[in-house]
Amino acid sequence: PEGTRTKPTEVKEFNKGAAMLATSANVPILPVVHNAGYAWPSKSF
């Protein structure tokens, strides 16, 4: 829902696409969070 990768310390607004799809299709949302950006940073070798 952030639309693109963010840094672990960055806070970005979530878009409503997931909620729109879930309500339209009448299925639940399964939310997941993680902190993988510290060990595998985006765009970093």
ModelCIF file with pLDDT and N, C-alpha, C, O atoms, coordinates in Angstrom:
data_MODEL
#
_entry.id   MODEL 
#
_entity.id                         1 
_entity.type                       polymer 
_entity.pdbx_number_of_molecules   1 
#
_entity_poly.entity_id                      1 
_entity_poly.type                           'polypeptide(L)' 
_entity_poly.nstd_linkage                   no 
_entity_poly.nstd_monomer                   no 
_entity_poly.pdbx_seq_one_letter_code       PEGTRTKPTEVKEFNKGAAMLATSANVPILPVVHNAGYAWPSKSF 
_entity_poly.pdbx_seq_one_letter_code_can   PEGTRTKPTEVKEFNKGAAMLATSANVPILPVVHNAGYAWPSKSF 
_entity_poly.pdbx_strand_id                 A 
#
loop_
_entity_poly_seq.entity_id 
_entity_poly_seq.num 
_entity_poly_seq.mon_id 
_entity_poly_seq.hetero 
1 1  PRO n 
1 2  GLU n 
1 3  GLY n 
1 4  THR n 
1 5  ARG n 
1 6  THR n 
1 7  LYS n 
1 8  PRO n 
1 9  THR n 
1 10 GLU n 
1 11 VAL n 
1 12 LYS n 
1 13 GLU n 
1 14 PHE n 
1 15 ASN n 
1 16 LYS n 
1 17 GLY n 
1 18 ALA n 
1 19 ALA n 
1 20 MET n 
1 21 LEU n 
1 22 ALA n 
1 23 THR n 
1 24 SER n 
1 25 ALA n 
1 26 ASN n 
1 27 VAL n 
1 28 PRO n 
1 29 ILE n 
1 30 LEU n 
1 31 PRO n 
1 32 VAL n 
1 33 VAL n 
1 34 HIS n 
1 35 ASN n 
1 36 ALA n 
1 37 GLY n 
1 38 TYR n 
1 39 ALA n 
1 40 TRP n 
1 41 PRO n 
1 42 SER n 
1 43 LYS n 
1 44 SER n 
1 45 PHE n 
#
_struct_asym.id          A 
_struct_asym.entity_id   1 
#
loop_
_ma_qa_metric.id 
_ma_qa_metric.mode 
_ma_qa_metric.name 
_ma_qa_metric.software_group_id 
_ma_qa_metric.type 
1 global pLDDT . pLDDT 
2 local  pLDDT . pLDDT 
#
_ma_qa_metric_global.metric_id      1 
_ma_qa_metric_global.metric_value   94.40 
_ma_qa_metric_global.model_id       1 
_ma_qa_metric_global.ordinal_id     1 
#
loop_
_ma_qa_metric_local.label_asym_id 
_ma_qa_metric_local.label_comp_id 
_ma_qa_metric_local.label_seq_id 
_ma_qa_metric_local.metric_id 
_ma_qa_metric_local.metric_value 
_ma_qa_metric_local.model_id 
_ma_qa_metric_local.ordinal_id 
A PRO 1  2 96.00 1 1  
A GLU 2  2 94.00 1 2  
A GLY 3  2 88.00 1 3  
A THR 4  2 89.00 1 4  
A ARG 5  2 92.00 1 5  
A THR 6  2 93.00 1 6  
A LYS 7  2 92.00 1 7  
A PRO 8  2 91.00 1 8  
A THR 9  2 87.00 1 9  
A GLU 10 2 89.00 1 10 
A VAL 11 2 86.00 1 11 
A LYS 12 2 91.00 1 12 
A GLU 13 2 93.00 1 13 
A PHE 14 2 96.00 1 14 
A ASN 15 2 94.00 1 15 
A LYS 16 2 95.00 1 16 
A GLY 17 2 95.00 1 17 
A ALA 18 2 97.00 1 18 
A ALA 19 2 97.00 1 19 
A MET 20 2 97.00 1 20 
A LEU 21 2 97.00 1 21 
A ALA 22 2 98.00 1 22 
A THR 23 2 97.00 1 23 
A SER 24 2 96.00 1 24 
A ALA 25 2 96.00 1 25 
A ASN 26 2 96.00 1 26 
A VAL 27 2 97.00 1 27 
A PRO 28 2 98.00 1 28 
A ILE 29 2 98.00 1 29 
A LEU 30 2 98.00 1 30 
A PRO 31 2 98.00 1 31 
A VAL 32 2 98.00 1 32 
A VAL 33 2 98.00 1 33 
A HIS 34 2 98.00 1 34 
A ASN 35 2 97.00 1 35 
A ALA 36 2 97.00 1 36 
A GLY 37 2 96.00 1 37 
A TYR 38 2 96.00 1 38 
A ALA 39 2 96.00 1 39 
A TRP 40 2 96.00 1 40 
A PRO 41 2 94.00 1 41 
A SER 42 2 90.00 1 42 
A LYS 43 2 87.00 1 43 
A SER 44 2 91.00 1 44 
A PHE 45 2 93.00 1 45 
#
loop_
_atom_site.group_PDB 
_atom_site.id 
_atom_site.type_symbol 
_atom_site.label_atom_id 
_atom_site.label_alt_id 
_atom_site.label_comp_id 
_atom_site.label_asym_id 
_atom_site.label_entity_id 
_atom_site.label_seq_id 
_atom_site.pdbx_PDB_ins_code 
_atom_site.Cartn_x 
_atom_site.Cartn_y 
_atom_site.Cartn_z 
_atom_site.occupancy 
_atom_site.B_iso_or_equiv 
_atom_site.pdbx_formal_charge 
_atom_site.auth_seq_id 
_atom_site.auth_comp_id 
_atom_site.auth_asym_id 
_atom_site.auth_atom_id 
_atom_site.pdbx_PDB_model_num 
ATOM 1   N N  . PRO A 1 1  ? 0.785   -1.237  0.000  1.00 96.00 ? 1  PRO A N  1 
ATOM 2   C CA . PRO A 1 1  ? 0.000   0.000   0.000  1.00 96.00 ? 1  PRO A CA 1 
ATOM 3   C C  . PRO A 1 1  ? 0.816   1.285   0.000  1.00 96.00 ? 1  PRO A C  1 
ATOM 4   O O  . PRO A 1 1  ? 0.273   2.364   -0.239 1.00 96.00 ? 1  PRO A O  1 
ATOM 5   N N  . GLU A 1 2  ? 2.117   1.180   0.266  1.00 94.00 ? 2  GLU A N  1 
ATOM 6   C CA . GLU A 1 2  ? 2.965   2.372   0.153  1.00 94.00 ? 2  GLU A CA 1 
ATOM 7   C C  . GLU A 1 2  ? 3.252   2.709   -1.310 1.00 94.00 ? 2  GLU A C  1 
ATOM 8   O O  . GLU A 1 2  ? 3.654   3.828   -1.630 1.00 94.00 ? 2  GLU A O  1 
ATOM 9   N N  . GLY A 1 3  ? 3.044   1.733   -2.192 1.00 88.00 ? 3  GLY A N  1 
ATOM 10  C CA . GLY A 1 3  ? 3.216   1.967   -3.620 1.00 88.00 ? 3  GLY A CA 1 
ATOM 11  C C  . GLY A 1 3  ? 4.617   1.740   -4.125 1.00 88.00 ? 3  GLY A C  1 
ATOM 12  O O  . GLY A 1 3  ? 4.797   1.381   -5.289 1.00 88.00 ? 3  GLY A O  1 
ATOM 13  N N  . THR A 1 4  ? 5.617   1.939   -3.286 1.00 89.00 ? 4  THR A N  1 
ATOM 14  C CA . THR A 1 4  ? 7.004   1.747   -3.674 1.00 89.00 ? 4  THR A CA 1 
ATOM 15  C C  . THR A 1 4  ? 7.814   1.454   -2.421 1.00 89.00 ? 4  THR A C  1 
ATOM 16  O O  . THR A 1 4  ? 7.294   1.576   -1.312 1.00 89.00 ? 4  THR A O  1 
ATOM 17  N N  . ARG A 1 5  ? 9.074   1.070   -2.575 1.00 92.00 ? 5  ARG A N  1 
ATOM 18  C CA . ARG A 1 5  ? 9.893   0.762   -1.407 1.00 92.00 ? 5  ARG A CA 1 
ATOM 19  C C  . ARG A 1 5  ? 10.210  2.025   -0.607 1.00 92.00 ? 5  ARG A C  1 
ATOM 20  O O  . ARG A 1 5  ? 10.405  3.106   -1.161 1.00 92.00 ? 5  ARG A O  1 
ATOM 21  N N  . THR A 1 6  ? 10.255  1.852   0.696  1.00 93.00 ? 6  THR A N  1 
ATOM 22  C CA . THR A 1 6  ? 10.585  2.962   1.584  1.00 93.00 ? 6  THR A CA 1 
ATOM 23  C C  . THR A 1 6  ? 11.721  2.538   2.519  1.00 93.00 ? 6  THR A C  1 
ATOM 24  O O  . THR A 1 6  ? 11.949  1.346   2.727  1.00 93.00 ? 6  THR A O  1 
ATOM 25  N N  . LYS A 1 7  ? 12.417  3.503   3.070  1.00 92.00 ? 7  LYS A N  1 
ATOM 26  C CA . LYS A 1 7  ? 13.452  3.213   4.067  1.00 92.00 ? 7  LYS A CA 1 
ATOM 27  C C  . LYS A 1 7  ? 12.773  2.807   5.376  1.00 92.00 ? 7  LYS A C  1 
ATOM 28  O O  . LYS A 1 7  ? 11.648  3.227   5.647  1.00 92.00 ? 7  LYS A O  1 
ATOM 29  N N  . PRO A 1 8  ? 13.455  1.990   6.190  1.00 91.00 ? 8  PRO A N  1 
ATOM 30  C CA . PRO A 1 8  ? 12.831  1.519   7.430  1.00 91.00 ? 8  PRO A CA 1 
ATOM 31  C C  . PRO A 1 8  ? 12.351  2.641   8.349  1.00 91.00 ? 8  PRO A C  1 
ATOM 32  O O  . PRO A 1 8  ? 11.380  2.469   9.086  1.00 91.00 ? 8  PRO A O  1 
ATOM 33  N N  . THR A 1 9  ? 13.020  3.767   8.307  1.00 87.00 ? 9  THR A N  1 
ATOM 34  C CA . THR A 1 9  ? 12.637  4.883   9.187  1.00 87.00 ? 9  THR A CA 1 
ATOM 35  C C  . THR A 1 9  ? 11.639  5.831   8.536  1.00 87.00 ? 9  THR A C  1 
ATOM 36  O O  . THR A 1 9  ? 11.192  6.787   9.170  1.00 87.00 ? 9  THR A O  1 
ATOM 37  N N  . GLU A 1 10 ? 11.285  5.578   7.283  1.00 89.00 ? 10 GLU A N  1 
ATOM 38  C CA . GLU A 1 10 ? 10.398  6.472   6.531  1.00 89.00 ? 10 GLU A CA 1 
ATOM 39  C C  . GLU A 1 10 ? 8.935   6.080   6.745  1.00 89.00 ? 10 GLU A C  1 
ATOM 40  O O  . GLU A 1 10 ? 8.594   4.897   6.755  1.00 89.00 ? 10 GLU A O  1 
ATOM 41  N N  . VAL A 1 11 ? 8.093   7.070   6.912  1.00 86.00 ? 11 VAL A N  1 
ATOM 42  C CA . VAL A 1 11 ? 6.664   6.845   7.055  1.00 86.00 ? 11 VAL A CA 1 
ATOM 43  C C  . VAL A 1 11 ? 5.966   7.405   5.824  1.00 86.00 ? 11 VAL A C  1 
ATOM 44  O O  . VAL A 1 11 ? 6.058   8.597   5.534  1.00 86.00 ? 11 VAL A O  1 
ATOM 45  N N  . LYS A 1 12 ? 5.272   6.540   5.110  1.00 91.00 ? 12 LYS A N  1 
ATOM 46  C CA . LYS A 1 12 ? 4.590   6.958   3.888  1.00 91.00 ? 12 LYS A CA 1 
ATOM 47  C C  . LYS A 1 12 ? 3.118   6.566   3.971  1.00 91.00 ? 12 LYS A C  1 
ATOM 48  O O  . LYS A 1 12 ? 2.775   5.518   4.518  1.00 91.00 ? 12 LYS A O  1 
ATOM 49  N N  . GLU A 1 13 ? 2.274   7.398   3.435  1.00 93.00 ? 13 GLU A N  1 
ATOM 50  C CA . GLU A 1 13 ? 0.831   7.142   3.482  1.00 93.00 ? 13 GLU A CA 1 
ATOM 51  C C  . GLU A 1 13 ? 0.468   5.872   2.722  1.00 93.00 ? 13 GLU A C  1 
ATOM 52  O O  . GLU A 1 13 ? 1.012   5.606   1.650  1.00 93.00 ? 13 GLU A O  1 
ATOM 53  N N  . PHE A 1 14 ? -0.445  5.095   3.273  1.00 96.00 ? 14 PHE A N  1 
ATOM 54  C CA . PHE A 1 14 ? -0.955  3.895   2.606  1.00 96.00 ? 14 PHE A CA 1 
ATOM 55  C C  . PHE A 1 14 ? -2.103  4.288   1.684  1.00 96.00 ? 14 PHE A C  1 
ATOM 56  O O  . PHE A 1 14 ? -3.001  5.031   2.079  1.00 96.00 ? 14 PHE A O  1 
ATOM 57  N N  . ASN A 1 15 ? -2.067  3.779   0.442  1.00 94.00 ? 15 ASN A N  1 
ATOM 58  C CA . ASN A 1 15 ? -3.200  4.040   -0.443 1.00 94.00 ? 15 ASN A CA 1 
ATOM 59  C C  . ASN A 1 15 ? -4.336  3.056   -0.141 1.00 94.00 ? 15 ASN A C  1 
ATOM 60  O O  . ASN A 1 15 ? -4.146  2.064   0.563  1.00 94.00 ? 15 ASN A O  1 
ATOM 61  N N  . LYS A 1 16 ? -5.521  3.353   -0.688 1.00 95.00 ? 16 LYS A N  1 
ATOM 62  C CA . LYS A 1 16 ? -6.719  2.584   -0.353 1.00 95.00 ? 16 LYS A CA 1 
ATOM 63  C C  . LYS A 1 16 ? -7.018  1.451   -1.329 1.00 95.00 ? 16 LYS A C  1 
ATOM 64  O O  . LYS A 1 16 ? -8.080  0.833   -1.250 1.00 95.00 ? 16 LYS A O  1 
ATOM 65  N N  . GLY A 1 17 ? -6.097  1.170   -2.247 1.00 95.00 ? 17 GLY A N  1 
ATOM 66  C CA . GLY A 1 17 ? -6.351  0.139   -3.244 1.00 95.00 ? 17 GLY A CA 1 
ATOM 67  C C  . GLY A 1 17 ? -6.666  -1.226  -2.653 1.00 95.00 ? 17 GLY A C  1 
ATOM 68  O O  . GLY A 1 17 ? -7.559  -1.919  -3.140 1.00 95.00 ? 17 GLY A O  1 
ATOM 69  N N  . ALA A 1 18 ? -5.945  -1.620  -1.609 1.00 97.00 ? 18 ALA A N  1 
ATOM 70  C CA . ALA A 1 18 ? -6.166  -2.931  -0.996 1.00 97.00 ? 18 ALA A CA 1 
ATOM 71  C C  . ALA A 1 18 ? -7.556  -3.018  -0.378 1.00 97.00 ? 18 ALA A C  1 
ATOM 72  O O  . ALA A 1 18 ? -8.255  -4.018  -0.540 1.00 97.00 ? 18 ALA A O  1 
ATOM 73  N N  . ALA A 1 19 ? -7.949  -1.966  0.329  1.00 97.00 ? 19 ALA A N  1 
ATOM 74  C CA . ALA A 1 19 ? -9.274  -1.962  0.958  1.00 97.00 ? 19 ALA A CA 1 
ATOM 75  C C  . ALA A 1 19 ? -10.382 -1.934  -0.082 1.00 97.00 ? 19 ALA A C  1 
ATOM 76  O O  . ALA A 1 19 ? -11.422 -2.567  0.098  1.00 97.00 ? 19 ALA A O  1 
ATOM 77  N N  . MET A 1 20 ? -10.165 -1.206  -1.166 1.00 97.00 ? 20 MET A N  1 
ATOM 78  C CA . MET A 1 20 ? -11.162 -1.157  -2.235 1.00 97.00 ? 20 MET A CA 1 
ATOM 79  C C  . MET A 1 20 ? -11.370 -2.528  -2.858 1.00 97.00 ? 20 MET A C  1 
ATOM 80  O O  . MET A 1 20 ? -12.502 -2.951  -3.090 1.00 97.00 ? 20 MET A O  1 
ATOM 81  N N  . LEU A 1 21 ? -10.264 -3.220  -3.127 1.00 97.00 ? 21 LEU A N  1 
ATOM 82  C CA . LEU A 1 21 ? -10.363 -4.549  -3.718 1.00 97.00 ? 21 LEU A CA 1 
ATOM 83  C C  . LEU A 1 21 ? -11.029 -5.531  -2.752 1.00 97.00 ? 21 LEU A C  1 
ATOM 84  O O  . LEU A 1 21 ? -11.883 -6.321  -3.157 1.00 97.00 ? 21 LEU A O  1 
ATOM 85  N N  . ALA A 1 22 ? -10.641 -5.480  -1.483 1.00 98.00 ? 22 ALA A N  1 
ATOM 86  C CA . ALA A 1 22 ? -11.193 -6.417  -0.498 1.00 98.00 ? 22 ALA A CA 1 
ATOM 87  C C  . ALA A 1 22 ? -12.690 -6.233  -0.311 1.00 98.00 ? 22 ALA A C  1 
ATOM 88  O O  . ALA A 1 22 ? -13.432 -7.213  -0.249 1.00 98.00 ? 22 ALA A O  1 
ATOM 89  N N  . THR A 1 23 ? -13.145 -4.976  -0.220 1.00 97.00 ? 23 THR A N  1 
ATOM 90  C CA . THR A 1 23 ? -14.581 -4.746  -0.033 1.00 97.00 ? 23 THR A CA 1 
ATOM 91  C C  . THR A 1 23 ? -15.357 -5.104  -1.294 1.00 97.00 ? 23 THR A C  1 
ATOM 92  O O  . THR A 1 23 ? -16.462 -5.640  -1.212 1.00 97.00 ? 23 THR A O  1 
ATOM 93  N N  . SER A 1 24 ? -14.788 -4.814  -2.452 1.00 96.00 ? 24 SER A N  1 
ATOM 94  C CA . SER A 1 24 ? -15.465 -5.119  -3.707 1.00 96.00 ? 24 SER A CA 1 
ATOM 95  C C  . SER A 1 24 ? -15.586 -6.627  -3.936 1.00 96.00 ? 24 SER A C  1 
ATOM 96  O O  . SER A 1 24 ? -16.612 -7.114  -4.412 1.00 96.00 ? 24 SER A O  1 
ATOM 97  N N  . ALA A 1 25 ? -14.520 -7.360  -3.589 1.00 96.00 ? 25 ALA A N  1 
ATOM 98  C CA . ALA A 1 25 ? -14.514 -8.812  -3.808 1.00 96.00 ? 25 ALA A CA 1 
ATOM 99  C C  . ALA A 1 25 ? -15.048 -9.580  -2.602 1.00 96.00 ? 25 ALA A C  1 
ATOM 100 O O  . ALA A 1 25 ? -15.192 -10.801 -2.653 1.00 96.00 ? 25 ALA A O  1 
ATOM 101 N N  . ASN A 1 26 ? -15.343 -8.856  -1.510 1.00 96.00 ? 26 ASN A N  1 
ATOM 102 C CA . ASN A 1 26 ? -15.858 -9.466  -0.284 1.00 96.00 ? 26 ASN A CA 1 
ATOM 103 C C  . ASN A 1 26 ? -14.913 -10.540 0.260  1.00 96.00 ? 26 ASN A C  1 
ATOM 104 O O  . ASN A 1 26 ? -15.329 -11.648 0.600  1.00 96.00 ? 26 ASN A O  1 
ATOM 105 N N  . VAL A 1 27 ? -13.629 -10.178 0.331  1.00 97.00 ? 27 VAL A N  1 
ATOM 106 C CA . VAL A 1 27 ? -12.627 -11.059 0.924  1.00 97.00 ? 27 VAL A CA 1 
ATOM 107 C C  . VAL A 1 27 ? -11.909 -10.275 2.022  1.00 97.00 ? 27 VAL A C  1 
ATOM 108 O O  . VAL A 1 27 ? -11.923 -9.045  2.008  1.00 97.00 ? 27 VAL A O  1 
ATOM 109 N N  . PRO A 1 28 ? -11.283 -10.969 2.967  1.00 98.00 ? 28 PRO A N  1 
ATOM 110 C CA . PRO A 1 28 ? -10.599 -10.255 4.045  1.00 98.00 ? 28 PRO A CA 1 
ATOM 111 C C  . PRO A 1 28 ? -9.223  -9.732  3.633  1.00 98.00 ? 28 PRO A C  1 
ATOM 112 O O  . PRO A 1 28 ? -8.661  -10.131 2.613  1.00 98.00 ? 28 PRO A O  1 
ATOM 113 N N  . ILE A 1 29 ? -8.713  -8.841  4.446  1.00 98.00 ? 29 ILE A N  1 
ATOM 114 C CA . ILE A 1 29 ? -7.335  -8.370  4.324  1.00 98.00 ? 29 ILE A CA 1 
ATOM 115 C C  . ILE A 1 29 ? -6.483  -9.129  5.334  1.00 98.00 ? 29 ILE A C  1 
ATOM 116 O O  . ILE A 1 29 ? -6.879  -9.297  6.487  1.00 98.00 ? 29 ILE A O  1 
ATOM 117 N N  . LEU A 1 30 ? -5.325  -9.581  4.903  1.00 98.00 ? 30 LEU A N  1 
ATOM 118 C CA . LEU A 1 30 ? -4.351  -10.183 5.812  1.00 98.00 ? 30 LEU A CA 1 
ATOM 119 C C  . LEU A 1 30 ? -3.146  -9.248  5.874  1.00 98.00 ? 30 LEU A C  1 
ATOM 120 O O  . LEU A 1 30 ? -2.387  -9.177  4.908  1.00 98.00 ? 30 LEU A O  1 
ATOM 121 N N  . PRO A 1 31 ? -2.946  -8.526  6.982  1.00 98.00 ? 31 PRO A N  1 
ATOM 122 C CA . PRO A 1 31 ? -1.860  -7.556  7.065  1.00 98.00 ? 31 PRO A CA 1 
ATOM 123 C C  . PRO A 1 31 ? -0.552  -8.178  7.557  1.00 98.00 ? 31 PRO A C  1 
ATOM 124 O O  . PRO A 1 31 ? -0.550  -9.079  8.395  1.00 98.00 ? 31 PRO A O  1 
ATOM 125 N N  . VAL A 1 32 ? 0.549   -7.679  7.020  1.00 98.00 ? 32 VAL A N  1 
ATOM 126 C CA . VAL A 1 32 ? 1.883   -8.165  7.379  1.00 98.00 ? 32 VAL A CA 1 
ATOM 127 C C  . VAL A 1 32 ? 2.817   -6.970  7.539  1.00 98.00 ? 32 VAL A C  1 
ATOM 128 O O  . VAL A 1 32 ? 2.743   -6.015  6.766  1.00 98.00 ? 32 VAL A O  1 
ATOM 129 N N  . VAL A 1 33 ? 3.692   -7.020  8.537  1.00 98.00 ? 33 VAL A N  1 
ATOM 130 C CA . VAL A 1 33 ? 4.724   -5.993  8.687  1.00 98.00 ? 33 VAL A CA 1 
ATOM 131 C C  . VAL A 1 33 ? 6.068   -6.673  8.949  1.00 98.00 ? 33 VAL A C  1 
ATOM 132 O O  . VAL A 1 33 ? 6.114   -7.811  9.416  1.00 98.00 ? 33 VAL A O  1 
ATOM 133 N N  . HIS A 1 34 ? 7.142   -5.979  8.651  1.00 98.00 ? 34 HIS A N  1 
ATOM 134 C CA . HIS A 1 34 ? 8.486   -6.543  8.824  1.00 98.00 ? 34 HIS A CA 1 
ATOM 135 C C  . HIS A 1 34 ? 9.505   -5.406  8.872  1.00 98.00 ? 34 HIS A C  1 
ATOM 136 O O  . HIS A 1 34 ? 9.173   -4.245  8.632  1.00 98.00 ? 34 HIS A O  1 
ATOM 137 N N  . ASN A 1 35 ? 10.739  -5.759  9.185  1.00 97.00 ? 35 ASN A N  1 
ATOM 138 C CA . ASN A 1 35 ? 11.829  -4.771  9.202  1.00 97.00 ? 35 ASN A CA 1 
ATOM 139 C C  . ASN A 1 35 ? 12.999  -5.215  8.333  1.00 97.00 ? 35 ASN A C  1 
ATOM 140 O O  . ASN A 1 35 ? 14.156  -4.990  8.690  1.00 97.00 ? 35 ASN A O  1 
ATOM 141 N N  . ALA A 1 36 ? 12.712  -5.842  7.198  1.00 97.00 ? 36 ALA A N  1 
ATOM 142 C CA . ALA A 1 36 ? 13.750  -6.414  6.336  1.00 97.00 ? 36 ALA A CA 1 
ATOM 143 C C  . ALA A 1 36 ? 14.684  -5.369  5.736  1.00 97.00 ? 36 ALA A C  1 
ATOM 144 O O  . ALA A 1 36 ? 15.787  -5.706  5.306  1.00 97.00 ? 36 ALA A O  1 
ATOM 145 N N  . GLY A 1 37 ? 14.264  -4.117  5.699  1.00 96.00 ? 37 GLY A N  1 
ATOM 146 C CA . GLY A 1 37 ? 15.085  -3.081  5.085  1.00 96.00 ? 37 GLY A CA 1 
ATOM 147 C C  . GLY A 1 37 ? 16.403  -2.835  5.779  1.00 96.00 ? 37 GLY A C  1 
ATOM 148 O O  . GLY A 1 37 ? 17.316  -2.261  5.185  1.00 96.00 ? 37 GLY A O  1 
ATOM 149 N N  . TYR A 1 38 ? 16.524  -3.258  7.030  1.00 96.00 ? 38 TYR A N  1 
ATOM 150 C CA . TYR A 1 38 ? 17.797  -3.087  7.740  1.00 96.00 ? 38 TYR A CA 1 
ATOM 151 C C  . TYR A 1 38 ? 18.832  -4.108  7.268  1.00 96.00 ? 38 TYR A C  1 
ATOM 152 O O  . TYR A 1 38 ? 19.995  -3.760  7.066  1.00 96.00 ? 38 TYR A O  1 
ATOM 153 N N  . ALA A 1 39 ? 18.417  -5.369  7.090  1.00 96.00 ? 39 ALA A N  1 
ATOM 154 C CA . ALA A 1 39 ? 19.346  -6.427  6.691  1.00 96.00 ? 39 ALA A CA 1 
ATOM 155 C C  . ALA A 1 39 ? 19.532  -6.503  5.179  1.00 96.00 ? 39 ALA A C  1 
ATOM 156 O O  . ALA A 1 39 ? 20.622  -6.816  4.699  1.00 96.00 ? 39 ALA A O  1 
ATOM 157 N N  . TRP A 1 40 ? 18.465  -6.217  4.428  1.00 96.00 ? 40 TRP A N  1 
ATOM 158 C CA . TRP A 1 40 ? 18.535  -6.237  2.957  1.00 96.00 ? 40 TRP A CA 1 
ATOM 159 C C  . TRP A 1 40 ? 18.044  -4.878  2.474  1.00 96.00 ? 40 TRP A C  1 
ATOM 160 O O  . TRP A 1 40 ? 16.901  -4.754  2.034  1.00 96.00 ? 40 TRP A O  1 
ATOM 161 N N  . PRO A 1 41 ? 18.891  -3.864  2.551  1.00 94.00 ? 41 PRO A N  1 
ATOM 162 C CA . PRO A 1 41 ? 18.472  -2.513  2.163  1.00 94.00 ? 41 PRO A CA 1 
ATOM 163 C C  . PRO A 1 41 ? 18.131  -2.440  0.682  1.00 94.00 ? 41 PRO A C  1 
ATOM 164 O O  . PRO A 1 41 ? 18.767  -3.094  -0.145 1.00 94.00 ? 41 PRO A O  1 
ATOM 165 N N  . SER A 1 42 ? 17.135  -1.646  0.358  1.00 90.00 ? 42 SER A N  1 
ATOM 166 C CA . SER A 1 42 ? 16.742  -1.467  -1.034 1.00 90.00 ? 42 SER A CA 1 
ATOM 167 C C  . SER A 1 42 ? 17.871  -0.801  -1.821 1.00 90.00 ? 42 SER A C  1 
ATOM 168 O O  . SER A 1 42 ? 18.500  0.149   -1.354 1.00 90.00 ? 42 SER A O  1 
ATOM 169 N N  . LYS A 1 43 ? 18.110  -1.319  -3.018 1.00 87.00 ? 43 LYS A N  1 
ATOM 170 C CA . LYS A 1 43 ? 19.104  -0.761  -3.935 1.00 87.00 ? 43 LYS A CA 1 
ATOM 171 C C  . LYS A 1 43 ? 20.512  -0.740  -3.350 1.00 87.00 ? 43 LYS A C  1 
ATOM 172 O O  . LYS A 1 43 ? 21.315  0.132   -3.682 1.00 87.00 ? 43 LYS A O  1 
ATOM 173 N N  . SER A 1 44 ? 20.806  -1.698  -2.481 1.00 91.00 ? 44 SER A N  1 
ATOM 174 C CA . SER A 1 44 ? 22.132  -1.788  -1.879 1.00 91.00 ? 44 SER A CA 1 
ATOM 175 C C  . SER A 1 44 ? 22.726  -3.159  -2.145 1.00 91.00 ? 44 SER A C  1 
ATOM 176 O O  . SER A 1 44 ? 22.068  -4.179  -1.942 1.00 91.00 ? 44 SER A O  1 
ATOM 177 N N  . PHE A 1 45 ? 23.965  -3.182  -2.596 1.00 93.00 ? 45 PHE A N  1 
ATOM 178 C CA . PHE A 1 45 ? 24.647  -4.456  -2.820 1.00 93.00 ? 45 PHE A CA 1 
ATOM 179 C C  . PHE A 1 45 ? 24.943  -5.145  -1.497 1.00 93.00 ? 45 PHE A C  1 
ATOM 180 O O  . PHE A 1 45 ? 25.516  -6.234  -1.482 1.00 93.00 ? 45 PHE A O  1 
#
